[in-house]
Protein backbone atom coordinates (compact mmCIF):
# COMPACT_ATOMS: atom_id res chain seq x y z
CA MET A 1 16.91 12.96 1.14
CA ALA A 2 13.18 12.56 0.63
CA THR A 3 12.93 9.30 2.59
CA THR A 4 13.93 10.91 5.89
CA GLY A 5 10.54 12.41 6.74
CA LEU A 6 8.61 9.23 6.02
CA ALA A 7 11.12 7.10 7.92
CA LEU A 8 10.77 9.24 11.04
CA LEU A 9 7.00 9.01 10.92
CA THR A 10 6.69 5.24 10.89
CA SER A 11 7.59 2.29 13.06
CA CYS A 12 9.05 0.29 10.16
CA THR A 13 12.31 -1.52 10.75
CA VAL A 14 13.68 -0.64 7.32
CA PRO A 15 13.86 2.80 5.73
CA VAL A 16 10.60 3.98 4.17
CA ASP A 17 10.57 5.29 0.63
CA GLY A 18 7.02 5.64 -0.55
CA VAL A 19 3.35 5.03 0.05
CA SER A 20 0.81 2.24 -0.38
CA GLY A 21 -2.84 2.48 -1.22
CA VAL A 22 -5.89 0.74 -2.61
CA ARG A 23 -8.22 1.77 -5.41
CA VAL A 24 -10.92 0.22 -7.55
CA ASN A 25 -11.04 -0.23 -11.29
CA GLN A 26 -14.05 0.69 -13.42
CA SER A 27 -15.71 -2.66 -12.69
CA GLY A 28 -15.21 -2.27 -8.92
CA ALA A 29 -12.35 -4.78 -8.46
CA LEU A 30 -9.93 -3.91 -5.65
CA LEU A 31 -6.39 -2.94 -6.69
CA GLY A 32 -3.19 -2.34 -4.75
CA VAL A 33 -1.13 0.77 -5.52
CA ILE A 34 2.52 1.51 -4.67
CA ALA A 35 4.61 4.61 -5.40
CA SER A 36 8.15 5.33 -4.22
CA CYS A 37 10.46 8.30 -4.37
CA GLU A 38 14.03 7.14 -4.96
CA HIS A 39 14.16 3.34 -4.64
CA ARG A 40 12.39 0.77 -6.81
CA ILE A 41 9.88 -1.23 -4.79
CA ASN A 42 9.63 -4.71 -6.31
CA ALA A 43 7.37 -6.64 -3.93
CA ALA A 44 4.06 -6.16 -2.12
CA VAL A 45 2.47 -7.96 0.82
CA MET A 46 -1.11 -8.01 2.08
CA TYR A 47 -1.97 -9.33 5.54
CA GLU A 48 -4.72 -9.36 8.13
CA THR A 49 -4.06 -6.94 10.97
CA ASN A 50 -4.40 -8.18 14.54
CA GLY A 51 -5.31 -4.81 15.96
CA SER A 52 -5.99 -1.26 14.93
CA THR A 53 -2.69 -0.46 13.14
CA ALA A 54 -0.51 -2.00 10.45
CA SER A 55 2.21 -2.77 13.01
CA GLU A 56 0.16 -5.62 14.49
CA ALA A 57 0.62 -8.12 11.64
CA GLY A 58 -1.50 -11.26 11.39
CA PRO A 59 -1.62 -13.94 8.69
CA THR A 60 -0.40 -13.11 5.20
CA LEU A 61 -3.23 -12.95 2.65
CA GLY A 62 -1.09 -12.49 -0.45
CA SER A 63 2.27 -11.41 -1.81
CA TRP A 64 3.33 -10.19 -5.24
CA ASP A 65 6.43 -9.56 -7.32
CA LEU A 66 5.93 -6.14 -8.84
CA HIS A 67 7.00 -5.38 -12.41
CA GLY A 68 7.81 -1.84 -13.39
CA ASP A 69 9.45 1.19 -11.87
CA SER A 70 7.64 2.49 -8.78
CA THR A 71 9.71 5.72 -8.84
CA ARG A 72 8.32 6.84 -12.20
CA ALA A 73 4.61 6.08 -11.76
CA ALA A 74 2.29 4.42 -9.28
CA LEU A 75 2.26 0.64 -9.82
CA THR A 76 -1.22 -0.88 -9.72
CA TRP A 77 -2.17 -4.57 -9.55
CA SER A 78 -5.15 -6.76 -8.67
CA LEU A 79 -5.39 -7.81 -5.02
CA THR A 80 -7.44 -10.90 -5.90
CA ASP A 81 -5.74 -12.19 -9.04
CA SER A 82 -2.40 -13.99 -9.19
CA THR A 83 -1.24 -12.61 -12.53
CA SER A 84 -1.40 -9.26 -14.24
CA LEU A 85 0.92 -7.11 -16.33
CA ALA A 86 2.07 -5.25 -13.20
CA ALA A 87 2.52 -8.17 -10.77
CA THR A 88 2.70 -11.92 -10.35
CA SER A 89 1.88 -13.95 -7.27
CA ASP A 90 1.95 -17.50 -6.02
CA GLU A 91 -0.55 -16.70 -3.29
CA ALA A 92 -3.06 -14.02 -4.25
CA PRO A 93 -6.34 -14.53 -2.39
CA SER A 94 -9.50 -15.27 -4.32
CA HIS A 95 -11.52 -13.36 -1.72
CA LEU A 96 -10.76 -11.01 1.17
CA PRO A 97 -12.11 -11.03 4.73
CA THR A 98 -15.10 -8.70 4.86
CA ARG A 99 -14.88 -7.44 8.44
CA ARG A 100 -11.19 -7.78 9.29
CA LEU A 101 -8.61 -5.02 9.01
CA ILE A 102 -6.33 -5.62 6.02
CA SER A 103 -2.93 -3.99 5.42
CA VAL A 104 -0.93 -3.63 2.19
CA PHE A 105 2.64 -2.43 1.86
CA GLY A 106 5.47 -2.48 -0.65
CA ALA A 107 9.02 -3.72 -0.07
CA THR A 108 12.24 -4.63 -1.79
CA HIS A 109 13.31 -8.26 -2.10
CA ASP A 110 16.50 -7.50 -0.15
CA ASN A 111 14.51 -5.74 2.64
CA SER A 112 16.40 -2.48 2.12
CA TYR A 113 13.27 -0.29 1.72
CA SER A 114 9.51 -0.44 2.21
CA THR A 115 6.49 1.79 1.79
CA CYS A 116 4.12 3.03 4.47
CA ALA A 117 1.34 0.48 4.84
CA VAL A 118 -2.31 1.30 4.33
CA SER A 119 -4.81 -0.50 6.60
CA PHE A 120 -8.47 -0.76 5.66
CA ARG A 121 -11.63 -2.79 5.84
CA LEU A 122 -13.46 -3.68 2.63
CA SER A 123 -16.27 -1.36 3.73
CA ASP A 124 -13.75 1.53 3.58
CA THR A 125 -13.39 0.97 -0.17
CA THR A 126 -17.06 0.95 -1.20
CA SER A 127 -17.22 4.69 -1.80
CA LEU A 128 -14.01 4.83 -3.87
CA ARG A 129 -14.43 5.89 -7.48
CA SER A 130 -12.10 5.34 -10.40
CA GLY A 131 -9.12 7.69 -10.04
CA GLN A 132 -9.29 7.80 -6.22
CA ILE A 133 -6.79 6.08 -3.92
CA LEU A 134 -7.28 5.27 -0.23
CA THR A 135 -3.94 5.77 1.54
CA LEU A 136 -2.55 6.47 4.99
CA ASP A 137 -2.80 10.13 6.00
CA LEU A 138 0.90 10.68 6.74
CA ASP A 139 0.13 13.69 8.95
CA SER A 140 -1.95 11.46 11.25
CA ILE A 141 1.08 9.33 12.21
CA GLU A 142 2.54 12.15 14.32
CA THR A 143 -0.61 12.28 16.46
CA GLY A 144 -0.54 8.55 17.17
CA ARG A 145 -4.05 8.21 15.72
CA GLU A 146 -3.48 6.86 12.23
CA ARG A 147 -6.26 7.42 9.73
CA ASN A 148 -6.65 7.16 5.99
CA LYS A 149 -7.57 9.70 3.37
CA VAL A 150 -8.70 9.56 -0.24
CA VAL A 151 -6.41 11.22 -2.79
CA SER A 152 -6.05 11.52 -6.54
CA VAL A 153 -3.40 9.56 -8.43
CA ARG A 154 -1.34 12.75 -8.82
CA GLU A 155 -1.50 13.49 -5.07
CA PHE A 156 -0.60 9.86 -4.26
CA GLN A 157 2.54 10.08 -6.39
CA ARG A 158 3.43 13.37 -4.68
CA LEU A 159 3.04 11.76 -1.24
CA ALA A 160 5.69 9.19 -2.17
CA CYS A 161 8.34 11.91 -1.84
CA LYS A 162 6.85 13.80 1.09
CA ASP A 163 9.53 15.07 3.48
């Protein structure tokens, strides 16, 4: 099963089936991105991180109900707007903290699966171009020194099923 490798690499309390990332649209607005391998991810959460990794959760900045099938294509939605075709939210932030570490991850409403979180500062996203996604470097988890990498949309979708 494709979720086994990701589940062993993370400290999540539910099985992991996919990846999370951030990208920018052509006008520079920040977007969340989720892709999963076998299980439909139908929610996303963004929170401030009280430390250097996603496991040290702080206050929630926003949460969304995702519309669409995360196993067929990467779902993308605005991180600062409460409604879009891909997601709806009752609590999307109008602005994000500039210097704090922010984490985004996907989940299921019944807490049966999640995606690996991506943690970033807004300054980490300034060099992103359209078509690029900032995501957790899954290979870095094994070393205990998590870091991000920039990938294409195609590579991001491939990472969702990485063993």
